PDB file of all heavy atoms in Angstrom:
ATOM      1  N   GLU A   1     103.859  76.621 110.606  1.00  0.00           N
ATOM      2  CA  GLU A   1     103.632  75.391 111.388  1.00  0.00           C
ATOM      3  C   GLU A   1     102.148  75.132 111.765  1.00  0.00           C
ATOM      4  O   GLU A   1     101.766  73.870 111.762  1.00  0.00           O
ATOM      5  CB  GLU A   1     104.411  75.342 112.755  1.00  0.00           C
ATOM      6  CG  GLU A   1     105.894  75.374 112.444  1.00  0.00           C
ATOM      7  CD  GLU A   1     106.723  75.346 113.826  1.00  0.00           C
ATOM      8  OE1 GLU A   1     106.092  75.219 114.874  1.00  0.00           O
ATOM      9  OE2 GLU A   1     108.038  75.472 113.767  1.00  0.00           O
ATOM     10  N   VAL A   2     101.379  76.124 112.147  1.00  0.00           N
ATOM     11  CA  VAL A   2      99.983  75.880 112.442  1.00  0.00           C
ATOM     12  C   VAL A   2      99.002  76.091 111.240  1.00  0.00           C
ATOM     13  O   VAL A   2      98.225  75.320 110.966  1.00  0.00           O
ATOM     14  CB  VAL A   2      99.618  76.825 113.550  1.00  0.00           C
ATOM     15  CG1 VAL A   2      98.119  76.666 113.950  1.00  0.00           C
ATOM     16  CG2 VAL A   2     100.456  76.537 114.819  1.00  0.00           C
ATOM     17  N   LEU A   3      99.216  77.200 110.484  1.00  0.00           N
ATOM     18  CA  LEU A   3      98.345  77.507 109.424  1.00  0.00           C
ATOM     19  C   LEU A   3      98.830  76.800 108.178  1.00  0.00           C
ATOM     20  O   LEU A   3      98.090  76.796 107.167  1.00  0.00           O
ATOM     21  CB  LEU A   3      98.413  79.042 109.058  1.00  0.00           C
ATOM     22  CG  LEU A   3      97.945  80.054 110.249  1.00  0.00           C
ATOM     23  CD1 LEU A   3      97.943  81.437 109.751  1.00  0.00           C
ATOM     24  CD2 LEU A   3      96.549  79.602 110.776  1.00  0.00           C
ATOM     25  N   LYS A   4      99.904  76.205 108.189  1.00  0.00           N
ATOM     26  CA  LYS A   4     100.512  75.372 107.079  1.00  0.00           C
ATOM     27  C   LYS A   4     100.618  76.177 105.711  1.00  0.00           C
ATOM     28  O   LYS A   4     100.214  75.752 104.731  1.00  0.00           O
ATOM     29  CB  LYS A   4      99.649  74.169 106.852  1.00  0.00           C
ATOM     30  CG  LYS A   4      99.535  73.356 108.118  1.00  0.00           C
ATOM     31  CD  LYS A   4     100.857  72.662 108.587  1.00  0.00           C
ATOM     32  CE  LYS A   4     100.721  71.784 109.880  1.00  0.00           C
ATOM     33  NZ  LYS A   4     102.012  71.278 110.249  1.00  0.00           N
ATOM     34  N   LEU A   5     100.955  77.401 105.811  1.00  0.00           N
ATOM     35  CA  LEU A   5     101.043  78.211 104.652  1.00  0.00           C
ATOM     36  C   LEU A   5     102.446  77.902 103.900  1.00  0.00           C
ATOM     37  O   LEU A   5     103.473  78.010 104.598  1.00  0.00           O
ATOM     38  CB  LEU A   5     101.017  79.704 104.909  1.00  0.00           C
ATOM     39  CG  LEU A   5      99.715  80.168 105.741  1.00  0.00           C
ATOM     40  CD1 LEU A   5      99.684  81.685 105.927  1.00  0.00           C
ATOM     41  CD2 LEU A   5      98.490  79.874 104.745  1.00  0.00           C
ATOM     42  N   GLU A   6     102.354  77.641 102.641  1.00  0.00           N
ATOM     43  CA  GLU A   6     103.597  77.266 101.966  1.00  0.00           C
ATOM     44  C   GLU A   6     104.363  78.502 101.535  1.00  0.00           C
ATOM     45  O   GLU A   6     103.903  79.587 101.597  1.00  0.00           O
ATOM     46  CB  GLU A   6     103.225  76.454 100.719  1.00  0.00           C
ATOM     47  CG  GLU A   6     102.373  77.062  99.719  1.00  0.00           C
ATOM     48  CD  GLU A   6     100.841  76.905 100.061  1.00  0.00           C
ATOM     49  OE1 GLU A   6     100.542  76.396 101.127  1.00  0.00           O
ATOM     50  OE2 GLU A   6     100.050  77.341  99.255  1.00  0.00           O
ATOM     51  N   ALA A   7     105.627  78.202 101.253  1.00  0.00           N
ATOM     52  CA  ALA A   7     106.588  79.258 100.810  1.00  0.00           C
ATOM     53  C   ALA A   7     106.115  80.154  99.636  1.00  0.00           C
ATOM     54  O   ALA A   7     106.210  81.377  99.600  1.00  0.00           O
ATOM     55  CB  ALA A   7     107.970  78.666 100.556  1.00  0.00           C
ATOM     56  N   SER A   8     105.481  79.476  98.744  1.00  0.00           N
ATOM     57  CA  SER A   8     105.096  80.187  97.528  1.00  0.00           C
ATOM     58  C   SER A   8     103.948  81.228  97.854  1.00  0.00           C
ATOM     59  O   SER A   8     103.900  82.299  97.279  1.00  0.00           O
ATOM     60  CB  SER A   8     104.539  79.253  96.436  1.00  0.00           C
ATOM     61  OG  SER A   8     103.402  78.467  96.974  1.00  0.00           O
ATOM     62  N   PHE A   9     103.049  80.810  98.756  1.00  0.00           N
ATOM     63  CA  PHE A   9     102.034  81.759  99.196  1.00  0.00           C
ATOM     64  C   PHE A   9     102.554  82.893 100.043  1.00  0.00           C
ATOM     65  O   PHE A   9     102.127  84.029  99.908  1.00  0.00           O
ATOM     66  CB  PHE A   9     100.884  81.014 100.018  1.00  0.00           C
ATOM     67  CG  PHE A   9      99.915  81.939 100.657  1.00  0.00           C
ATOM     68  CD1 PHE A   9      98.904  82.462  99.819  1.00  0.00           C
ATOM     69  CD2 PHE A   9     100.028  82.348 101.975  1.00  0.00           C
ATOM     70  CE1 PHE A   9      97.950  83.363 100.420  1.00  0.00           C
ATOM     71  CE2 PHE A   9      99.039  83.230 102.495  1.00  0.00           C
ATOM     72  CZ  PHE A   9      98.141  83.814 101.730  1.00  0.00           C
ATOM     73  N   LEU A  10     103.470  82.688 100.854  1.00  0.00           N
ATOM     74  CA  LEU A  10     104.091  83.715 101.750  1.00  0.00           C
ATOM     75  C   LEU A  10     104.885  84.647 100.745  1.00  0.00           C
ATOM     76  O   LEU A  10     104.858  85.845 101.152  1.00  0.00           O
ATOM     77  CB  LEU A  10     105.049  83.070 102.742  1.00  0.00           C
ATOM     78  CG  LEU A  10     104.363  82.340 103.937  1.00  0.00           C
ATOM     79  CD1 LEU A  10     105.463  81.724 104.887  1.00  0.00           C
ATOM     80  CD2 LEU A  10     103.348  83.077 104.580  1.00  0.00           C
ATOM     81  N   GLY A  11     105.379  84.151  99.750  1.00  0.00           N
ATOM     82  CA  GLY A  11     105.957  84.999  98.758  1.00  0.00           C
ATOM     83  C   GLY A  11     104.949  85.983  98.110  1.00  0.00           C
ATOM     84  O   GLY A  11     105.168  87.074  97.896  1.00  0.00           O
ATOM     85  N   THR A  12     103.819  85.355  97.770  1.00  0.00           N
ATOM     86  CA  THR A  12     102.697  86.209  97.248  1.00  0.00           C
ATOM     87  C   THR A  12     102.268  87.211  98.199  1.00  0.00           C
ATOM     88  O   THR A  12     101.892  88.279  97.821  1.00  0.00           O
ATOM     89  CB  THR A  12     101.561  85.098  96.912  1.00  0.00           C
ATOM     90  OG1 THR A  12     101.961  84.228  95.953  1.00  0.00           O
ATOM     91  CG2 THR A  12     100.456  86.039  96.260  1.00  0.00           C
ATOM     92  N   ALA A  13     102.135  86.860  99.552  1.00  0.00           N
ATOM     93  CA  ALA A  13     101.784  87.704 100.594  1.00  0.00           C
ATOM     94  C   ALA A  13     102.691  88.985 100.634  1.00  0.00           C
ATOM     95  O   ALA A  13     102.419  90.107 100.813  1.00  0.00           O
ATOM     96  CB  ALA A  13     101.716  87.065 101.876  1.00  0.00           C
ATOM     97  N   ARG A  14     104.030  88.737 100.454  1.00  0.00           N
ATOM     98  CA  ARG A  14     104.985  89.742 100.386  1.00  0.00           C
ATOM     99  C   ARG A  14     104.820  90.668  99.142  1.00  0.00           C
ATOM    100  O   ARG A  14     105.089  91.837  99.162  1.00  0.00           O
ATOM    101  CB  ARG A  14     106.468  89.226 100.428  1.00  0.00           C
ATOM    102  CG  ARG A  14     106.830  88.552 101.636  1.00  0.00           C
ATOM    103  CD  ARG A  14     106.890  89.539 102.868  1.00  0.00           C
ATOM    104  NE  ARG A  14     107.590  90.707 102.505  1.00  0.00           N
ATOM    105  CZ  ARG A  14     107.262  91.973 102.964  1.00  0.00           C
ATOM    106  NH1 ARG A  14     106.137  92.287 103.545  1.00  0.00           N
ATOM    107  NH2 ARG A  14     108.074  92.980 102.639  1.00  0.00           N
ATOM    108  N   VAL A  15     104.355  90.056  98.126  1.00  0.00           N
ATOM    109  CA  VAL A  15     104.060  90.915  96.861  1.00  0.00           C
ATOM    110  C   VAL A  15     103.002  91.894  97.146  1.00  0.00           C
ATOM    111  O   VAL A  15     103.061  93.044  96.861  1.00  0.00           O
ATOM    112  CB  VAL A  15     103.684  89.933  95.614  1.00  0.00           C
ATOM    113  CG1 VAL A  15     103.132  90.791  94.557  1.00  0.00           C
ATOM    114  CG2 VAL A  15     104.882  89.122  95.166  1.00  0.00           C
ATOM    115  N   VAL A  16     101.942  91.363  97.802  1.00  0.00           N
ATOM    116  CA  VAL A  16     100.774  92.196  98.183  1.00  0.00           C
ATOM    117  C   VAL A  16     101.349  93.381  99.188  1.00  0.00           C
ATOM    118  O   VAL A  16     100.949  94.472  99.138  1.00  0.00           O
ATOM    119  CB  VAL A  16      99.787  91.464  98.833  1.00  0.00           C
ATOM    120  CG1 VAL A  16      98.564  92.313  99.343  1.00  0.00           C
ATOM    121  CG2 VAL A  16      99.127  90.435  97.823  1.00  0.00           C
ATOM    122  N   GLY A  17     102.291  92.952 100.037  1.00  0.00           N
ATOM    123  CA  GLY A  17     102.809  93.918 100.947  1.00  0.00           C
ATOM    124  C   GLY A  17     103.630  95.068 100.282  1.00  0.00           C
ATOM    125  O   GLY A  17     103.463  96.159 100.571  1.00  0.00           O
ATOM    126  N   TRP A  18     104.415  94.646  99.261  1.00  0.00           N
ATOM    127  CA  TRP A  18     105.189  95.594  98.505  1.00  0.00           C
ATOM    128  C   TRP A  18     104.265  96.467  97.634  1.00  0.00           C
ATOM    129  O   TRP A  18     104.483  97.629  97.432  1.00  0.00           O
ATOM    130  CB  TRP A  18     106.210  94.914  97.539  1.00  0.00           C
ATOM    131  CG  TRP A  18     107.453  94.359  98.337  1.00  0.00           C
ATOM    132  CD1 TRP A  18     107.760  93.176  98.672  1.00  0.00           C
ATOM    133  CD2 TRP A  18     108.447  95.264  98.811  1.00  0.00           C
ATOM    134  NE1 TRP A  18     109.006  93.230  99.264  1.00  0.00           N
ATOM    135  CE2 TRP A  18     109.352  94.381  99.474  1.00  0.00           C
ATOM    136  CE3 TRP A  18     108.712  96.683  98.839  1.00  0.00           C
ATOM    137  CZ2 TRP A  18     110.586  94.900  99.865  1.00  0.00           C
ATOM    138  CZ3 TRP A  18     109.871  97.130  99.385  1.00  0.00           C
ATOM    139  CH2 TRP A  18     110.786  96.247 100.008  1.00  0.00           C
ATOM    140  N   SER A  19     103.108  95.900  97.182  1.00  0.00           N
ATOM    141  CA  SER A  19     102.132  96.675  96.476  1.00  0.00           C
ATOM    142  C   SER A  19     101.528  97.636  97.397  1.00  0.00           C
ATOM    143  O   SER A  19     101.291  98.848  97.095  1.00  0.00           O
ATOM    144  CB  SER A  19     100.998  95.775  95.941  1.00  0.00           C
ATOM    145  OG  SER A  19     101.620  94.771  95.051  1.00  0.00           O
ATOM    146  N   GLY A  20     101.276  97.327  98.680  1.00  0.00           N
ATOM    147  CA  GLY A  20     100.769  98.262  99.668  1.00  0.00           C
ATOM    148  C   GLY A  20     101.826  99.337  99.868  1.00  0.00           C
ATOM    149  O   GLY A  20     101.406 100.502 100.104  1.00  0.00           O
ATOM    150  N   LEU A  21     103.138  99.011  99.796  1.00  0.00           N
ATOM    151  CA  LEU A  21     104.163 100.051 100.030  1.00  0.00           C
ATOM    152  C   LEU A  21     104.064 100.962  98.867  1.00  0.00           C
ATOM    153  O   LEU A  21     104.257 102.304  99.061  1.00  0.00           O
ATOM    154  CB  LEU A  21     105.539  99.403 100.178  1.00  0.00           C
ATOM    155  CG  LEU A  21     106.703 100.215 100.560  1.00  0.00           C
ATOM    156  CD1 LEU A  21     107.811  99.457 101.224  1.00  0.00           C
ATOM    157  CD2 LEU A  21     107.338 100.873  99.145  1.00  0.00           C
ATOM    158  N   MET A  22     103.962 100.550  97.653  1.00  0.00           N
ATOM    159  CA  MET A  22     103.890 101.389  96.571  1.00  0.00           C
ATOM    160  C   MET A  22     102.641 102.318  96.505  1.00  0.00           C
ATOM    161  O   MET A  22     102.753 103.490  96.255  1.00  0.00           O
ATOM    162  CB  MET A  22     103.904 100.563  95.169  1.00  0.00           C
ATOM    163  CG  MET A  22     105.140  99.864  94.878  1.00  0.00           C
ATOM    164  SD  MET A  22     105.221  98.948  93.375  1.00  0.00           S
ATOM    165  CE  MET A  22     105.243 100.291  92.200  1.00  0.00           C
ATOM    166  N   VAL A  23     101.480 101.717  96.987  1.00  0.00           N
ATOM    167  CA  VAL A  23     100.277 102.577  97.145  1.00  0.00           C
ATOM    168  C   VAL A  23     100.419 103.573  98.198  1.00  0.00           C
ATOM    169  O   VAL A  23     100.038 104.711  98.039  1.00  0.00           O
ATOM    170  CB  VAL A  23      99.054 101.594  97.377  1.00  0.00           C
ATOM    171  CG1 VAL A  23      97.857 102.400  97.706  1.00  0.00           C
ATOM    172  CG2 VAL A  23      98.773 100.675  96.185  1.00  0.00           C
ATOM    173  N   GLY A  24     101.032 103.207  99.220  1.00  0.00           N
ATOM    174  CA  GLY A  24     101.328 104.124 100.362  1.00  0.00           C
ATOM    175  C   GLY A  24     102.194 105.237  99.904  1.00  0.00           C
ATOM    176  O   GLY A  24     101.933 106.428 100.274  1.00  0.00           O
ATOM    177  N   THR A  25     103.241 105.005  99.114  1.00  0.00           N
ATOM    178  CA  THR A  25     104.137 106.044  98.602  1.00  0.00           C
ATOM    179  C   THR A  25     103.344 107.053  97.683  1.00  0.00           C
ATOM    180  O   THR A  25     103.485 108.194  97.792  1.00  0.00           O
ATOM    181  CB  THR A  25     105.292 105.379  97.705  1.00  0.00           C
ATOM    182  OG1 THR A  25     106.069 104.505  98.578  1.00  0.00           O
ATOM    183  CG2 THR A  25     106.167 106.484  97.230  1.00  0.00           C
ATOM    184  N   PHE A  26     102.441 106.511  96.835  1.00  0.00           N
ATOM    185  CA  PHE A  26     101.672 107.238  95.926  1.00  0.00           C
ATOM    186  C   PHE A  26     100.686 108.080  96.632  1.00  0.00           C
ATOM    187  O   PHE A  26     100.636 109.319  96.385  1.00  0.00           O
ATOM    188  CB  PHE A  26     100.913 106.373  94.891  1.00  0.00           C
ATOM    189  CG  PHE A  26     100.080 107.077  94.029  1.00  0.00           C
ATOM    190  CD1 PHE A  26     100.476 107.826  92.902  1.00  0.00           C
ATOM    191  CD2 PHE A  26      98.645 107.148  94.330  1.00  0.00           C
ATOM    192  CE1 PHE A  26      99.618 108.518  92.082  1.00  0.00           C
ATOM    193  CE2 PHE A  26      97.778 107.928  93.489  1.00  0.00           C
ATOM    194  CZ  PHE A  26      98.232 108.578  92.403  1.00  0.00           C
ATOM    195  N   ILE A  27      99.986 107.596  97.561  1.00  0.00           N
ATOM    196  CA  ILE A  27      99.040 108.203  98.368  1.00  0.00           C
ATOM    197  C   ILE A  27      99.700 109.399  99.207  1.00  0.00           C
ATOM    198  O   ILE A  27      99.227 110.533  99.186  1.00  0.00           O
ATOM    199  CB  ILE A  27      98.230 107.351  99.334  1.00  0.00           C
ATOM    200  CG1 ILE A  27      97.339 106.436  98.543  1.00  0.00           C
ATOM    201  CG2 ILE A  27      97.298 108.159 100.274  1.00  0.00           C
ATOM    202  CD1 ILE A  27      96.649 105.325  99.325  1.00  0.00           C
ATOM    203  N   TYR A  28     100.786 109.052  99.778  1.00  0.00           N
ATOM    204  CA  TYR A  28     101.501 110.127 100.606  1.00  0.00           C
ATOM    205  C   TYR A  28     101.872 111.202  99.644  1.00  0.00           C
ATOM    206  O   TYR A  28     101.686 112.425  99.904  1.00  0.00           O
ATOM    207  CB  TYR A  28     102.681 109.512 101.332  1.00  0.00           C
ATOM    208  CG  TYR A  28     103.556 110.673 101.889  1.00  0.00           C
ATOM    209  CD1 TYR A  28     103.206 111.294 103.063  1.00  0.00           C
ATOM    210  CD2 TYR A  28     104.678 111.099 101.200  1.00  0.00           C
ATOM    211  CE1 TYR A  28     103.859 112.304 103.587  1.00  0.00           C
ATOM    212  CE2 TYR A  28     105.419 112.141 101.748  1.00  0.00           C
ATOM    213  CZ  TYR A  28     105.011 112.667 102.949  1.00  0.00           C
ATOM    214  OH  TYR A  28     105.766 113.726 103.511  1.00  0.00           O
ATOM    215  N   ASN A  29     102.605 110.935  98.554  1.00  0.00           N
ATOM    216  CA  ASN A  29     103.167 111.956  97.630  1.00  0.00           C
ATOM    217  C   ASN A  29     102.067 112.774  96.967  1.00  0.00           C
ATOM    218  O   ASN A  29     102.299 113.968  96.746  1.00  0.00           O
ATOM    219  CB  ASN A  29     104.103 111.319  96.631  1.00  0.00           C
ATOM    220  CG  ASN A  29     105.101 112.328  96.060  1.00  0.00           C
ATOM    221  OD1 ASN A  29     105.724 113.083  96.776  1.00  0.00           O
ATOM    222  ND2 ASN A  29     105.254 112.338  94.724  1.00  0.00           N
ATOM    223  N   ARG A  30     100.903 112.216  96.805  1.00  0.00           N
ATOM    224  CA  ARG A  30      99.800 112.900  96.175  1.00  0.00           C
ATOM    225  C   ARG A  30      98.965 113.661  97.188  1.00  0.00           C
ATOM    226  O   ARG A  30      98.418 114.700  96.766  1.00  0.00           O
ATOM    227  CB  ARG A  30      99.026 111.842  95.306  1.00  0.00           C
ATOM    228  CG  ARG A  30      97.959 112.438  94.374  1.00  0.00           C
ATOM    229  CD  ARG A  30      98.575 113.122  93.205  1.00  0.00           C
ATOM    230  NE  ARG A  30      97.531 113.581  92.360  1.00  0.00           N
ATOM    231  CZ  ARG A  30      97.027 113.030  91.341  1.00  0.00           C
ATOM    232  NH1 ARG A  30      97.414 111.711  91.022  1.00  0.00           N
ATOM    233  NH2 ARG A  30      96.161 113.439  90.493  1.00  0.00           N
ATOM    234  N   HIS A  31      98.732 113.060  98.292  1.00  0.00           N
ATOM    235  CA  HIS A  31      97.569 113.699  99.224  1.00  0.00           C
ATOM    236  C   HIS A  31      98.115 113.957 100.591  1.00  0.00           C
ATOM    237  O   HIS A  31      97.388 114.868 101.178  1.00  0.00           O
ATOM    238  CB  HIS A  31      96.425 112.721  99.214  1.00  0.00           C
ATOM    239  CG  HIS A  31      95.811 112.286  97.893  1.00  0.00           C
ATOM    240  ND1 HIS A  31      95.087 113.237  97.174  1.00  0.00           N
ATOM    241  CD2 HIS A  31      95.894 111.220  97.210  1.00  0.00           C
ATOM    242  CE1 HIS A  31      94.683 112.618  96.086  1.00  0.00           C
ATOM    243  NE2 HIS A  31      95.111 111.398  96.064  1.00  0.00           N
ATOM    244  N   LEU A  32      99.165 113.418 101.095  1.00  0.00           N
ATOM    245  CA  LEU A  32      99.358 113.561 102.545  1.00  0.00           C
ATOM    246  C   LEU A  32     100.603 114.353 102.832  1.00  0.00           C
ATOM    247  O   LEU A  32     100.946 114.600 103.955  1.00  0.00           O
ATOM    248  CB  LEU A  32      99.496 112.134 103.158  1.00  0.00           C
ATOM    249  CG  LEU A  32      98.323 111.252 103.024  1.00  0.00           C
ATOM    250  CD1 LEU A  32      98.579 109.908 103.706  1.00  0.00           C
ATOM    251  CD2 LEU A  32      97.057 111.915 103.570  1.00  0.00           C
ATOM    252  N   LYS A  33     101.466 114.773 101.878  1.00  0.00           N
ATOM    253  CA  LYS A  33     102.753 115.480 102.141  1.00  0.00           C
ATOM    254  C   LYS A  33     102.605 116.750 102.815  1.00  0.00           C
ATOM    255  O   LYS A  33     103.530 117.302 103.417  1.00  0.00           O
ATOM    256  CB  LYS A  33     103.614 115.631 100.929  1.00  0.00           C
ATOM    257  CG  LYS A  33     102.873 116.406  99.790  1.00  0.00           C
ATOM    258  CD  LYS A  33     103.735 116.330  98.571  1.00  0.00           C
ATOM    259  CE  LYS A  33     103.112 117.097  97.373  1.00  0.00           C
ATOM    260  NZ  LYS A  33     103.954 117.039  96.144  1.00  0.00           N
ATOM    261  N   TYR A  34     101.476 117.429 102.820  1.00  0.00           N
ATOM    262  CA  TYR A  34     101.238 118.635 103.629  1.00  0.00           C
ATOM    263  C   TYR A  34     100.622 118.457 104.946  1.00  0.00           C
ATOM    264  O   TYR A  34     100.418 119.313 105.699  1.00  0.00           O
ATOM    265  CB  TYR A  34     100.440 119.642 102.695  1.00  0.00           C
ATOM    266  CG  TYR A  34     101.065 120.089 101.389  1.00  0.00           C
ATOM    267  CD1 TYR A  34     100.677 119.602 100.203  1.00  0.00           C
ATOM    268  CD2 TYR A  34     102.147 121.045 101.462  1.00  0.00           C
ATOM    269  CE1 TYR A  34     101.333 119.916  98.993  1.00  0.00           C
ATOM    270  CE2 TYR A  34     102.780 121.462 100.346  1.00  0.00           C
ATOM    271  CZ  TYR A  34     102.359 120.891  99.095  1.00  0.00           C
ATOM    272  OH  TYR A  34     102.976 121.284  97.874  1.00  0.00           O
ATOM    273  N   MET A  35     100.135 117.191 105.230  1.00  0.00           N
ATOM    274  CA  MET A  35      99.573 116.931 106.497  1.00  0.00           C
ATOM    275  C   MET A  35     100.742 116.878 107.569  1.00  0.00           C
ATOM    276  O   MET A  35     101.895 116.582 107.331  1.00  0.00           O
ATOM    277  CB  MET A  35      98.936 115.507 106.488  1.00  0.00           C
ATOM    278  CG  MET A  35      98.233 115.224 107.832  1.00  0.00           C
ATOM    279  SD  MET A  35      97.349 113.558 107.672  1.00  0.00           S
ATOM    280  CE  MET A  35      96.127 113.850 106.461  1.00  0.00           C
ATOM    281  N   THR A  36     100.405 117.330 108.765  1.00  0.00           N
ATOM    282  CA  THR A  36     101.395 117.323 109.832  1.00  0.00           C
ATOM    283  C   THR A  36     101.912 115.993 110.153  1.00  0.00           C
ATOM    284  O   THR A  36     101.056 115.019 110.122  1.00  0.00           O
ATOM    285  CB  THR A  36     100.799 118.107 111.086  1.00  0.00           C
ATOM    286  OG1 THR A  36      99.661 117.337 111.597  1.00  0.00           O
ATOM    287  CG2 THR A  36     100.411 119.477 110.774  1.00  0.00           C
ATOM    288  N   LEU A  37     103.094 115.876 110.636  1.00  0.00           N
ATOM    289  CA  LEU A  37     103.630 114.556 111.022  1.00  0.00           C
ATOM    290  C   LEU A  37     102.822 113.912 112.188  1.00  0.00           C
ATOM    291  O   LEU A  37     102.683 112.744 112.252  1.00  0.00           O
ATOM    292  CB  LEU A  37     105.080 114.708 111.400  1.00  0.00           C
ATOM    293  CG  LEU A  37     106.155 114.818 110.257  1.00  0.00           C
ATOM    294  CD1 LEU A  37     107.495 114.994 110.829  1.00  0.00           C
ATOM    295  CD2 LEU A  37     106.043 113.622 109.307  1.00  0.00           C
ATOM    296  N   ARG A  38     102.378 114.780 113.081  1.00  0.00           N
ATOM    297  CA  ARG A  38     101.616 114.232 114.355  1.00  0.00           C
ATOM    298  C   ARG A  38     100.352 113.522 113.914  1.00  0.00           C
ATOM    299  O   ARG A  38     100.091 112.358 114.324  1.00  0.00           O
ATOM    300  CB  ARG A  38     101.345 115.447 115.219  1.00  0.00           C
ATOM    301  CG  ARG A  38     102.488 115.980 116.094  1.00  0.00           C
ATOM    302  CD  ARG A  38     101.876 116.899 117.132  1.00  0.00           C
ATOM    303  NE  ARG A  38     102.951 117.521 117.957  1.00  0.00           N
ATOM    304  CZ  ARG A  38     102.762 118.303 118.962  1.00  0.00           C
ATOM    305  NH1 ARG A  38     101.596 118.632 119.335  1.00  0.00           N
ATOM    306  NH2 ARG A  38     103.794 118.752 119.611  1.00  0.00           N
ATOM    307  N   ARG A  39      99.670 114.120 112.922  1.00  0.00           N
ATOM    308  CA  ARG A  39      98.519 113.495 112.519  1.00  0.00           C
ATOM    309  C   ARG A  39      98.776 112.236 111.756  1.00  0.00           C
ATOM    310  O   ARG A  39      98.092 111.206 111.913  1.00  0.00           O
ATOM    311  CB  ARG A  39      97.630 114.458 111.633  1.00  0.00           C
ATOM    312  CG  ARG A  39      96.378 113.884 111.109  1.00  0.00           C
ATOM    313  CD  ARG A  39      95.478 114.868 110.390  1.00  0.00           C
ATOM    314  NE  ARG A  39      95.048 115.920 111.353  1.00  0.00           N
ATOM    315  CZ  ARG A  39      94.338 117.011 111.050  1.00  0.00           C
ATOM    316  NH1 ARG A  39      93.869 117.179 109.837  1.00  0.00           N
ATOM    317  NH2 ARG A  39      93.949 117.925 111.954  1.00  0.00           N
ATOM    318  N   ILE A  40      99.763 112.293 110.847  1.00  0.00           N
ATOM    319  CA  ILE A  40     100.096 111.042 110.017  1.00  0.00           C
ATOM    320  C   ILE A  40     100.549 109.954 110.905  1.00  0.00           C
ATOM    321  O   ILE A  40     100.059 108.793 110.795  1.00  0.00           O
ATOM    322  CB  ILE A  40     101.268 111.316 108.974  1.00  0.00           C
ATOM    323  CG1 ILE A  40     100.767 112.321 107.920  1.00  0.00           C
ATOM    324  CG2 ILE A  40     101.849 110.125 108.426  1.00  0.00           C
ATOM    325  CD1 ILE A  40     101.815 112.808 107.085  1.00  0.00           C
ATOM    326  N   LEU A  41     101.395 110.152 111.881  1.00  0.00           N
ATOM    327  CA  LEU A  41     101.857 109.156 112.822  1.00  0.00           C
ATOM    328  C   LEU A  41     100.795 108.645 113.717  1.00  0.00           C
ATOM    329  O   LEU A  41     100.823 107.470 114.058  1.00  0.00           O
ATOM    330  CB  LEU A  41     103.044 109.678 113.695  1.00  0.00           C
ATOM    331  CG  LEU A  41     104.333 110.111 112.782  1.00  0.00           C
ATOM    332  CD1 LEU A  41     105.369 110.852 113.695  1.00  0.00           C
ATOM    333  CD2 LEU A  41     104.943 108.882 112.071  1.00  0.00           C
TER     334      LEU A  41
END
């Protein structure tokens, strides 16, 4: 309503978000899986 972002762009933003999820999965599985939960959280 205020920023006037159209549906197609918000869909693109979700694509970037899912890409971030994939990158987060890769980084965790490759580098962070031995780090303590306290530090990660």
